[in-house]
All heavy atoms as atom14 arrays in JSON, in Angstrom:
{
  "sequence": "LAGVDSFRLVRAAAASSASDPTPEGKSIVELAEAEGYSPSTNSGTEG",
  "atom14_mask": [
    [1, 1, 1, 1, 1, 1, 1, 1, 0, 0, 0, 0, 0, 0],
    [1, 1, 1, 1, 1, 0, 0, 0, 0, 0, 0, 0, 0, 0],
    [1, 1, 1, 1, 0, 0, 0, 0, 0, 0, 0, 0, 0, 0],
    [1, 1, 1, 1, 1, 1, 1, 0, 0, 0, 0, 0, 0, 0],
    [1, 1, 1, 1, 1, 1, 1, 1, 0, 0, 0, 0, 0, 0],
    [1, 1, 1, 1, 1, 1, 0, 0, 0, 0, 0, 0, 0, 0],
    [1, 1, 1, 1, 1, 1, 1, 1, 1, 1, 1, 0, 0, 0],
    [1, 1, 1, 1, 1, 1, 1, 1, 1, 1, 1, 0, 0, 0],
    [1, 1, 1, 1, 1, 1, 1, 1, 0, 0, 0, 0, 0, 0],
    [1, 1, 1, 1, 1, 1, 1, 0, 0, 0, 0, 0, 0, 0],
    [1, 1, 1, 1, 1, 1, 1, 1, 1, 1, 1, 0, 0, 0],
    [1, 1, 1, 1, 1, 0, 0, 0, 0, 0, 0, 0, 0, 0],
    [1, 1, 1, 1, 1, 0, 0, 0, 0, 0, 0, 0, 0, 0],
    [1, 1, 1, 1, 1, 0, 0, 0, 0, 0, 0, 0, 0, 0],
    [1, 1, 1, 1, 1, 0, 0, 0, 0, 0, 0, 0, 0, 0],
    [1, 1, 1, 1, 1, 1, 0, 0, 0, 0, 0, 0, 0, 0],
    [1, 1, 1, 1, 1, 1, 0, 0, 0, 0, 0, 0, 0, 0],
    [1, 1, 1, 1, 1, 0, 0, 0, 0, 0, 0, 0, 0, 0],
    [1, 1, 1, 1, 1, 1, 0, 0, 0, 0, 0, 0, 0, 0],
    [1, 1, 1, 1, 1, 1, 1, 1, 0, 0, 0, 0, 0, 0],
    [1, 1, 1, 1, 1, 1, 1, 0, 0, 0, 0, 0, 0, 0],
    [1, 1, 1, 1, 1, 1, 1, 0, 0, 0, 0, 0, 0, 0],
    [1, 1, 1, 1, 1, 1, 1, 0, 0, 0, 0, 0, 0, 0],
    [1, 1, 1, 1, 1, 1, 1, 1, 1, 0, 0, 0, 0, 0],
    [1, 1, 1, 1, 0, 0, 0, 0, 0, 0, 0, 0, 0, 0],
    [1, 1, 1, 1, 1, 1, 1, 1, 1, 0, 0, 0, 0, 0],
    [1, 1, 1, 1, 1, 1, 0, 0, 0, 0, 0, 0, 0, 0],
    [1, 1, 1, 1, 1, 1, 1, 1, 0, 0, 0, 0, 0, 0],
    [1, 1, 1, 1, 1, 1, 1, 0, 0, 0, 0, 0, 0, 0],
    [1, 1, 1, 1, 1, 1, 1, 1, 1, 0, 0, 0, 0, 0],
    [1, 1, 1, 1, 1, 1, 1, 1, 0, 0, 0, 0, 0, 0],
    [1, 1, 1, 1, 1, 0, 0, 0, 0, 0, 0, 0, 0, 0],
    [1, 1, 1, 1, 1, 1, 1, 1, 1, 0, 0, 0, 0, 0],
    [1, 1, 1, 1, 1, 0, 0, 0, 0, 0, 0, 0, 0, 0],
    [1, 1, 1, 1, 1, 1, 1, 1, 1, 0, 0, 0, 0, 0],
    [1, 1, 1, 1, 0, 0, 0, 0, 0, 0, 0, 0, 0, 0],
    [1, 1, 1, 1, 1, 1, 1, 1, 1, 1, 1, 1, 0, 0],
    [1, 1, 1, 1, 1, 1, 0, 0, 0, 0, 0, 0, 0, 0],
    [1, 1, 1, 1, 1, 1, 1, 0, 0, 0, 0, 0, 0, 0],
    [1, 1, 1, 1, 1, 1, 0, 0, 0, 0, 0, 0, 0, 0],
    [1, 1, 1, 1, 1, 1, 1, 0, 0, 0, 0, 0, 0, 0],
    [1, 1, 1, 1, 1, 1, 1, 1, 0, 0, 0, 0, 0, 0],
    [1, 1, 1, 1, 1, 1, 0, 0, 0, 0, 0, 0, 0, 0],
    [1, 1, 1, 1, 0, 0, 0, 0, 0, 0, 0, 0, 0, 0],
    [1, 1, 1, 1, 1, 1, 1, 0, 0, 0, 0, 0, 0, 0],
    [1, 1, 1, 1, 1, 1, 1, 1, 1, 0, 0, 0, 0, 0],
    [1, 1, 1, 1, 0, 0, 0, 0, 0, 0, 0, 0, 0, 0]
  ],
  "atom14_positions": [
    [[-6.89, 12.88, -1.49], [-7.49, 14.15, -1.08], [-6.46, 15.27, -1.18], [-5.24, 15.03, -1.2], [-8.02, 14.04, 0.35], [-9.15, 13.03, 0.6], [-9.68, 13.17, 2.03], [-10.29, 13.21, -0.39], [0.0, 0.0, 0.0], [0.0, 0.0, 0.0], [0.0, 0.0, 0.0], [0.0, 0.0, 0.0], [0.0, 0.0, 0.0], [0.0, 0.0, 0.0]],
    [[-6.96, 16.49, -1.25], [-6.08, 17.66, -1.38], [-5.13, 17.75, -0.19], [-5.52, 17.52, 0.97], [-6.93, 18.93, -1.48], [0.0, 0.0, 0.0], [0.0, 0.0, 0.0], [0.0, 0.0, 0.0], [0.0, 0.0, 0.0], [0.0, 0.0, 0.0], [0.0, 0.0, 0.0], [0.0, 0.0, 0.0], [0.0, 0.0, 0.0], [0.0, 0.0, 0.0]],
    [[-3.87, 18.09, -0.5], [-2.88, 18.26, 0.56], [-2.23, 16.97, 0.99], [-1.4, 16.98, 1.91], [0.0, 0.0, 0.0], [0.0, 0.0, 0.0], [0.0, 0.0, 0.0], [0.0, 0.0, 0.0], [0.0, 0.0, 0.0], [0.0, 0.0, 0.0], [0.0, 0.0, 0.0], [0.0, 0.0, 0.0], [0.0, 0.0, 0.0], [0.0, 0.0, 0.0]],
    [[-2.57, 15.87, 0.38], [-2.0, 14.57, 0.74], [-1.11, 14.09, -0.4], [-1.51, 14.14, -1.57], [-3.1, 13.53, 1.02], [-2.48, 12.16, 1.32], [-3.98, 13.98, 2.17], [0.0, 0.0, 0.0], [0.0, 0.0, 0.0], [0.0, 0.0, 0.0], [0.0, 0.0, 0.0], [0.0, 0.0, 0.0], [0.0, 0.0, 0.0], [0.0, 0.0, 0.0]],
    [[0.09, 13.67, -0.05], [0.99, 13.12, -1.05], [0.4, 11.81, -1.59], [0.0, 10.93, -0.81], [2.36, 12.87, -0.44], [3.33, 12.27, -1.45], [3.65, 12.94, -2.44], [3.7, 11.09, -1.25], [0.0, 0.0, 0.0], [0.0, 0.0, 0.0], [0.0, 0.0, 0.0], [0.0, 0.0, 0.0], [0.0, 0.0, 0.0], [0.0, 0.0, 0.0]],
    [[0.33, 11.67, -2.91], [-0.32, 10.5, -3.51], [0.36, 9.2, -3.1], [-0.3, 8.18, -2.86], [-0.34, 10.63, -5.03], [0.98, 10.73, -5.54], [0.0, 0.0, 0.0], [0.0, 0.0, 0.0], [0.0, 0.0, 0.0], [0.0, 0.0, 0.0], [0.0, 0.0, 0.0], [0.0, 0.0, 0.0], [0.0, 0.0, 0.0], [0.0, 0.0, 0.0]],
    [[1.7, 9.22, -2.98], [2.38, 7.98, -2.63], [2.13, 7.61, -1.18], [2.17, 6.44, -0.81], [3.88, 8.12, -2.88], [4.6, 6.8, -2.8], [4.46, 5.85, -3.82], [5.4, 6.49, -1.71], [5.11, 4.63, -3.74], [6.05, 5.27, -1.64], [5.91, 4.34, -2.66], [0.0, 0.0, 0.0], [0.0, 0.0, 0.0], [0.0, 0.0, 0.0]],
    [[1.82, 8.6, -0.36], [1.48, 8.32, 1.03], [0.2, 7.49, 1.11], [0.09, 6.56, 1.91], [1.31, 9.65, 1.77], [1.05, 9.52, 3.27], [0.93, 10.9, 3.88], [0.6, 10.84, 5.31], [0.35, 11.93, 6.04], [0.4, 13.14, 5.48], [0.08, 11.8, 7.33], [0.0, 0.0, 0.0], [0.0, 0.0, 0.0], [0.0, 0.0, 0.0]],
    [[-0.76, 7.85, 0.27], [-2.01, 7.07, 0.2], [-1.74, 5.66, -0.31], [-2.24, 4.67, 0.24], [-3.03, 7.77, -0.7], [-4.27, 6.96, -1.09], [-5.1, 6.62, 0.15], [-5.13, 7.73, -2.1], [0.0, 0.0, 0.0], [0.0, 0.0, 0.0], [0.0, 0.0, 0.0], [0.0, 0.0, 0.0], [0.0, 0.0, 0.0], [0.0, 0.0, 0.0]],
    [[-0.92, 5.55, -1.38], [-0.62, 4.24, -1.96], [0.05, 3.34, -0.92], [-0.29, 2.17, -0.76], [0.28, 4.41, -3.2], [0.8, 3.06, -3.69], [-0.47, 5.13, -4.3], [0.0, 0.0, 0.0], [0.0, 0.0, 0.0], [0.0, 0.0, 0.0], [0.0, 0.0, 0.0], [0.0, 0.0, 0.0], [0.0, 0.0, 0.0], [0.0, 0.0, 0.0]],
    [[1.02, 3.91, -0.19], [1.76, 3.13, 0.81], [0.85, 2.67, 1.94], [0.91, 1.51, 2.38], [2.9, 3.99, 1.35], [3.82, 3.25, 2.33], [4.99, 4.14, 2.7], [4.51, 5.41, 3.23], [5.23, 6.52, 3.28], [6.47, 6.52, 2.8], [4.74, 7.64, 3.79], [0.0, 0.0, 0.0], [0.0, 0.0, 0.0], [0.0, 0.0, 0.0]],
    [[-0.03, 3.56, 2.4], [-0.94, 3.2, 3.5], [-1.95, 2.15, 3.05], [-2.27, 1.21, 3.79], [-1.67, 4.45, 3.99], [0.0, 0.0, 0.0], [0.0, 0.0, 0.0], [0.0, 0.0, 0.0], [0.0, 0.0, 0.0], [0.0, 0.0, 0.0], [0.0, 0.0, 0.0], [0.0, 0.0, 0.0], [0.0, 0.0, 0.0], [0.0, 0.0, 0.0]],
    [[-2.44, 2.28, 1.83], [-3.41, 1.31, 1.31], [-2.78, -0.06, 1.18], [-3.38, -1.09, 1.53], [-3.94, 1.79, -0.03], [0.0, 0.0, 0.0], [0.0, 0.0, 0.0], [0.0, 0.0, 0.0], [0.0, 0.0, 0.0], [0.0, 0.0, 0.0], [0.0, 0.0, 0.0], [0.0, 0.0, 0.0], [0.0, 0.0, 0.0], [0.0, 0.0, 0.0]],
    [[-1.55, -0.11, 0.67], [-0.86, -1.39, 0.51], [-0.54, -2.02, 1.85], [-0.69, -3.24, 2.04], [0.41, -1.18, -0.3], [0.0, 0.0, 0.0], [0.0, 0.0, 0.0], [0.0, 0.0, 0.0], [0.0, 0.0, 0.0], [0.0, 0.0, 0.0], [0.0, 0.0, 0.0], [0.0, 0.0, 0.0], [0.0, 0.0, 0.0], [0.0, 0.0, 0.0]],
    [[-0.1, -1.19, 2.82], [0.24, -1.72, 4.13], [-0.97, -2.32, 4.83], [-0.88, -3.38, 5.46], [0.84, -0.61, 4.99], [0.0, 0.0, 0.0], [0.0, 0.0, 0.0], [0.0, 0.0, 0.0], [0.0, 0.0, 0.0], [0.0, 0.0, 0.0], [0.0, 0.0, 0.0], [0.0, 0.0, 0.0], [0.0, 0.0, 0.0], [0.0, 0.0, 0.0]],
    [[-2.12, -1.67, 4.7], [-3.33, -2.18, 5.35], [-3.91, -3.39, 4.64], [-4.79, -4.06, 5.18], [-4.39, -1.07, 5.41], [-4.75, -0.66, 4.11], [0.0, 0.0, 0.0], [0.0, 0.0, 0.0], [0.0, 0.0, 0.0], [0.0, 0.0, 0.0], [0.0, 0.0, 0.0], [0.0, 0.0, 0.0], [0.0, 0.0, 0.0], [0.0, 0.0, 0.0]],
    [[-3.41, -3.68, 3.44], [-3.92, -4.82, 2.66], [-2.91, -5.95, 2.53], [-3.23, -6.99, 1.93], [-4.33, -4.35, 1.26], [-5.27, -3.3, 1.31], [0.0, 0.0, 0.0], [0.0, 0.0, 0.0], [0.0, 0.0, 0.0], [0.0, 0.0, 0.0], [0.0, 0.0, 0.0], [0.0, 0.0, 0.0], [0.0, 0.0, 0.0], [0.0, 0.0, 0.0]],
    [[-1.71, -5.75, 3.05], [-0.65, -6.73, 2.85], [-1.02, -8.1, 3.39], [-0.62, -9.13, 2.83], [0.64, -6.24, 3.5], [0.0, 0.0, 0.0], [0.0, 0.0, 0.0], [0.0, 0.0, 0.0], [0.0, 0.0, 0.0], [0.0, 0.0, 0.0], [0.0, 0.0, 0.0], [0.0, 0.0, 0.0], [0.0, 0.0, 0.0], [0.0, 0.0, 0.0]],
    [[-1.78, -8.14, 4.48], [-2.16, -9.43, 5.08], [-3.6, -9.78, 4.79], [-4.17, -10.67, 5.43], [-1.94, -9.37, 6.6], [-0.59, -9.13, 6.9], [0.0, 0.0, 0.0], [0.0, 0.0, 0.0], [0.0, 0.0, 0.0], [0.0, 0.0, 0.0], [0.0, 0.0, 0.0], [0.0, 0.0, 0.0], [0.0, 0.0, 0.0], [0.0, 0.0, 0.0]],
    [[-4.21, -9.08, 3.83], [-5.61, -9.33, 3.46], [-5.64, -10.41, 2.38], [-5.2, -10.17, 1.25], [-6.24, -8.04, 2.95], [-7.74, -8.18, 2.7], [-8.23, -9.32, 2.69], [-8.41, -7.15, 2.5], [0.0, 0.0, 0.0], [0.0, 0.0, 0.0], [0.0, 0.0, 0.0], [0.0, 0.0, 0.0], [0.0, 0.0, 0.0], [0.0, 0.0, 0.0]],
    [[-6.16, -11.64, 2.66], [-6.11, -12.73, 1.68], [-7.23, -12.66, 0.64], [-7.25, -13.47, -0.28], [-6.27, -13.98, 2.55], [-7.14, -13.51, 3.68], [-6.76, -12.07, 3.94], [0.0, 0.0, 0.0], [0.0, 0.0, 0.0], [0.0, 0.0, 0.0], [0.0, 0.0, 0.0], [0.0, 0.0, 0.0], [0.0, 0.0, 0.0], [0.0, 0.0, 0.0]],
    [[-8.15, -11.72, 0.79], [-9.29, -11.66, -0.14], [-8.83, -11.15, -1.51], [-7.8, -10.47, -1.62], [-10.39, -10.73, 0.4], [-9.89, -9.39, 0.45], [-10.83, -11.17, 1.78], [0.0, 0.0, 0.0], [0.0, 0.0, 0.0], [0.0, 0.0, 0.0], [0.0, 0.0, 0.0], [0.0, 0.0, 0.0], [0.0, 0.0, 0.0], [0.0, 0.0, 0.0]],
    [[-9.59, -11.47, -2.57], [-9.24, -10.94, -3.9], [-9.17, -9.42, -3.92], [-8.32, -8.85, -4.62], [-10.38, -11.47, -4.78], [-10.87, -12.69, -4.09], [-10.73, -12.4, -2.63], [0.0, 0.0, 0.0], [0.0, 0.0, 0.0], [0.0, 0.0, 0.0], [0.0, 0.0, 0.0], [0.0, 0.0, 0.0], [0.0, 0.0, 0.0], [0.0, 0.0, 0.0]],
    [[-10.03, -8.74, -3.14], [-10.0, -7.28, -3.1], [-8.69, -6.77, -2.51], [-8.05, -5.85, -3.03], [-11.18, -6.75, -2.28], [-12.54, -6.96, -2.91], [-13.13, -8.31, -2.54], [-12.39, -9.16, -2.0], [-14.34, -8.51, -2.79], [0.0, 0.0, 0.0], [0.0, 0.0, 0.0], [0.0, 0.0, 0.0], [0.0, 0.0, 0.0], [0.0, 0.0, 0.0]],
    [[-8.29, -7.43, -1.38], [-7.04, -7.02, -0.75], [-5.84, -7.24, -1.65], [-4.94, -6.38, -1.74], [0.0, 0.0, 0.0], [0.0, 0.0, 0.0], [0.0, 0.0, 0.0], [0.0, 0.0, 0.0], [0.0, 0.0, 0.0], [0.0, 0.0, 0.0], [0.0, 0.0, 0.0], [0.0, 0.0, 0.0], [0.0, 0.0, 0.0], [0.0, 0.0, 0.0]],
    [[-5.82, -8.36, -2.32], [-4.71, -8.65, -3.24], [-4.67, -7.65, -4.39], [-3.6, -7.23, -4.83], [-4.85, -10.07, -3.78], [-4.66, -11.15, -2.72], [-4.89, -12.54, -3.3], [-4.73, -13.62, -2.23], [-5.01, -14.96, -2.77], [0.0, 0.0, 0.0], [0.0, 0.0, 0.0], [0.0, 0.0, 0.0], [0.0, 0.0, 0.0], [0.0, 0.0, 0.0]],
    [[-5.87, -7.27, -4.88], [-5.9, -6.32, -5.99], [-5.4, -4.94, -5.57], [-4.8, -4.22, -6.37], [-7.32, -6.21, -6.56], [-8.18, -5.51, -5.67], [0.0, 0.0, 0.0], [0.0, 0.0, 0.0], [0.0, 0.0, 0.0], [0.0, 0.0, 0.0], [0.0, 0.0, 0.0], [0.0, 0.0, 0.0], [0.0, 0.0, 0.0], [0.0, 0.0, 0.0]],
    [[-5.6, -4.56, -4.29], [-5.09, -3.28, -3.79], [-3.57, -3.29, -3.77], [-2.91, -2.33, -4.2], [-5.67, -2.98, -2.39], [-7.18, -2.74, -2.48], [-4.97, -1.78, -1.77], [-7.87, -2.62, -1.13], [0.0, 0.0, 0.0], [0.0, 0.0, 0.0], [0.0, 0.0, 0.0], [0.0, 0.0, 0.0], [0.0, 0.0, 0.0], [0.0, 0.0, 0.0]],
    [[-3.0, -4.39, -3.29], [-1.54, -4.51, -3.27], [-0.98, -4.48, -4.69], [0.03, -3.82, -4.97], [-1.12, -5.79, -2.54], [0.4, -5.99, -2.63], [-1.56, -5.75, -1.08], [0.0, 0.0, 0.0], [0.0, 0.0, 0.0], [0.0, 0.0, 0.0], [0.0, 0.0, 0.0], [0.0, 0.0, 0.0], [0.0, 0.0, 0.0], [0.0, 0.0, 0.0]],
    [[-1.64, -5.2, -5.61], [-1.18, -5.23, -7.0], [-1.23, -3.84, -7.63], [-0.32, -3.43, -8.37], [-2.02, -6.21, -7.81], [-1.79, -7.67, -7.44], [-2.79, -8.6, -8.09], [-3.67, -8.1, -8.82], [-2.69, -9.83, -7.88], [0.0, 0.0, 0.0], [0.0, 0.0, 0.0], [0.0, 0.0, 0.0], [0.0, 0.0, 0.0], [0.0, 0.0, 0.0]],
    [[-2.31, -3.08, -7.35], [-2.41, -1.73, -7.9], [-1.34, -0.82, -7.29], [-0.75, 0.02, -7.98], [-3.81, -1.16, -7.63], [-4.08, 0.26, -8.17], [-3.93, 0.29, -9.68], [-5.47, 0.75, -7.76], [0.0, 0.0, 0.0], [0.0, 0.0, 0.0], [0.0, 0.0, 0.0], [0.0, 0.0, 0.0], [0.0, 0.0, 0.0], [0.0, 0.0, 0.0]],
    [[-1.08, -1.0, -5.98], [-0.03, -0.2, -5.32], [1.33, -0.49, -5.92], [2.15, 0.42, -6.14], [-0.04, -0.48, -3.82], [0.0, 0.0, 0.0], [0.0, 0.0, 0.0], [0.0, 0.0, 0.0], [0.0, 0.0, 0.0], [0.0, 0.0, 0.0], [0.0, 0.0, 0.0], [0.0, 0.0, 0.0], [0.0, 0.0, 0.0], [0.0, 0.0, 0.0]],
    [[1.61, -1.78, -6.2], [2.88, -2.14, -6.81], [3.01, -1.55, -8.19], [4.1, -1.15, -8.62], [3.02, -3.66, -6.85], [3.2, -4.29, -5.46], [3.23, -5.8, -5.5], [2.88, -6.37, -6.57], [3.58, -6.43, -4.48], [0.0, 0.0, 0.0], [0.0, 0.0, 0.0], [0.0, 0.0, 0.0], [0.0, 0.0, 0.0], [0.0, 0.0, 0.0]],
    [[1.88, -1.47, -8.91], [1.9, -0.84, -10.23], [2.2, 0.65, -10.12], [2.74, 1.26, -11.05], [0.57, -1.05, -10.93], [0.0, 0.0, 0.0], [0.0, 0.0, 0.0], [0.0, 0.0, 0.0], [0.0, 0.0, 0.0], [0.0, 0.0, 0.0], [0.0, 0.0, 0.0], [0.0, 0.0, 0.0], [0.0, 0.0, 0.0], [0.0, 0.0, 0.0]],
    [[1.88, 1.23, -8.92], [2.15, 2.66, -8.69], [3.56, 2.88, -8.13], [3.93, 4.01, -7.8], [1.12, 3.22, -7.7], [-0.31, 3.19, -8.2], [-0.61, 4.34, -9.15], [0.19, 5.28, -9.21], [-1.65, 4.27, -9.84], [0.0, 0.0, 0.0], [0.0, 0.0, 0.0], [0.0, 0.0, 0.0], [0.0, 0.0, 0.0], [0.0, 0.0, 0.0]],
    [[4.34, 1.81, -7.99], [5.72, 1.94, -7.53], [5.96, 1.52, -6.11], [7.09, 1.65, -5.6], [0.0, 0.0, 0.0], [0.0, 0.0, 0.0], [0.0, 0.0, 0.0], [0.0, 0.0, 0.0], [0.0, 0.0, 0.0], [0.0, 0.0, 0.0], [0.0, 0.0, 0.0], [0.0, 0.0, 0.0], [0.0, 0.0, 0.0], [0.0, 0.0, 0.0]],
    [[4.96, 1.01, -5.42], [5.13, 0.6, -4.03], [5.82, -0.76, -3.96], [5.59, -1.64, -4.78], [3.78, 0.52, -3.33], [3.81, -0.2, -2.0], [4.19, 0.47, -0.85], [3.47, -1.55, -1.91], [4.23, -0.18, 0.39], [3.51, -2.21, -0.68], [3.89, -1.52, 0.46], [3.93, -2.17, 1.67], [0.0, 0.0, 0.0], [0.0, 0.0, 0.0]],
    [[6.69, -0.93, -2.93], [7.25, -2.23, -2.59], [7.39, -2.28, -1.08], [7.5, -1.23, -0.43], [8.62, -2.45, -3.26], [9.57, -1.54, -2.73], [0.0, 0.0, 0.0], [0.0, 0.0, 0.0], [0.0, 0.0, 0.0], [0.0, 0.0, 0.0], [0.0, 0.0, 0.0], [0.0, 0.0, 0.0], [0.0, 0.0, 0.0], [0.0, 0.0, 0.0]],
    [[7.36, -3.46, -0.48], [7.43, -3.55, 0.99], [8.61, -2.81, 1.58], [8.53, -2.28, 2.69], [7.5, -5.05, 1.24], [6.84, -5.66, 0.05], [7.19, -4.77, -1.11], [0.0, 0.0, 0.0], [0.0, 0.0, 0.0], [0.0, 0.0, 0.0], [0.0, 0.0, 0.0], [0.0, 0.0, 0.0], [0.0, 0.0, 0.0], [0.0, 0.0, 0.0]],
    [[9.7, -2.73, 0.86], [10.9, -2.08, 1.41], [10.72, -0.58, 1.57], [11.43, 0.06, 2.34], [12.1, -2.36, 0.5], [11.86, -1.82, -0.81], [0.0, 0.0, 0.0], [0.0, 0.0, 0.0], [0.0, 0.0, 0.0], [0.0, 0.0, 0.0], [0.0, 0.0, 0.0], [0.0, 0.0, 0.0], [0.0, 0.0, 0.0], [0.0, 0.0, 0.0]],
    [[9.77, 0.0, 0.84], [9.54, 1.45, 0.95], [8.69, 1.82, 2.14], [8.49, 2.99, 2.42], [8.86, 1.98, -0.32], [7.55, 1.39, -0.42], [9.65, 1.66, -1.56], [0.0, 0.0, 0.0], [0.0, 0.0, 0.0], [0.0, 0.0, 0.0], [0.0, 0.0, 0.0], [0.0, 0.0, 0.0], [0.0, 0.0, 0.0], [0.0, 0.0, 0.0]],
    [[8.17, 0.81, 2.85], [7.31, 1.07, 4.0], [8.17, 1.17, 5.27], [8.59, 0.17, 5.83], [6.28, -0.04, 4.16], [5.18, 0.34, 5.13], [4.79, 1.5, 5.2], [4.71, -0.64, 5.88], [0.0, 0.0, 0.0], [0.0, 0.0, 0.0], [0.0, 0.0, 0.0], [0.0, 0.0, 0.0], [0.0, 0.0, 0.0], [0.0, 0.0, 0.0]],
    [[8.47, 2.39, 5.68], [9.36, 2.59, 6.83], [8.66, 2.29, 8.13], [7.45, 2.29, 8.22], [9.85, 4.05, 6.83], [8.74, 4.94, 6.95], [0.0, 0.0, 0.0], [0.0, 0.0, 0.0], [0.0, 0.0, 0.0], [0.0, 0.0, 0.0], [0.0, 0.0, 0.0], [0.0, 0.0, 0.0], [0.0, 0.0, 0.0], [0.0, 0.0, 0.0]],
    [[9.41, 2.06, 9.15], [8.84, 1.8, 10.47], [9.1, 0.39, 10.9], [9.58, -0.46, 10.13], [0.0, 0.0, 0.0], [0.0, 0.0, 0.0], [0.0, 0.0, 0.0], [0.0, 0.0, 0.0], [0.0, 0.0, 0.0], [0.0, 0.0, 0.0], [0.0, 0.0, 0.0], [0.0, 0.0, 0.0], [0.0, 0.0, 0.0], [0.0, 0.0, 0.0]],
    [[8.79, 0.1, 12.12], [9.01, -1.24, 12.66], [7.92, -2.18, 12.21], [6.93, -1.78, 11.61], [9.04, -1.18, 14.19], [7.78, -0.63, 14.65], [10.16, -0.28, 14.69], [0.0, 0.0, 0.0], [0.0, 0.0, 0.0], [0.0, 0.0, 0.0], [0.0, 0.0, 0.0], [0.0, 0.0, 0.0], [0.0, 0.0, 0.0], [0.0, 0.0, 0.0]],
    [[8.12, -3.44, 12.56], [7.15, -4.47, 12.19], [5.8, -4.15, 12.83], [5.71, -3.78, 14.0], [7.65, -5.83, 12.68], [6.81, -6.99, 12.18], [6.99, -7.22, 10.69], [8.01, -6.77, 10.13], [6.1, -7.85, 10.09], [0.0, 0.0, 0.0], [0.0, 0.0, 0.0], [0.0, 0.0, 0.0], [0.0, 0.0, 0.0], [0.0, 0.0, 0.0]],
    [[4.71, -4.29, 12.04], [3.39, -3.95, 12.54], [2.57, -5.17, 12.92], [2.88, -6.3, 12.55], [0.0, 0.0, 0.0], [0.0, 0.0, 0.0], [0.0, 0.0, 0.0], [0.0, 0.0, 0.0], [0.0, 0.0, 0.0], [0.0, 0.0, 0.0], [0.0, 0.0, 0.0], [0.0, 0.0, 0.0], [0.0, 0.0, 0.0], [0.0, 0.0, 0.0]]
  ]
}
């Protein structure tokens, strides 16, 4: 959406799908990784 950093969306989508075992959840993480996301880029404490 307008005014939102694109990588912020990618990071949030990947974080919310990291523990999702479904094929959809895995595909979100894979797409995020293709966009440059990795678990180390997700700042903050353990969720």
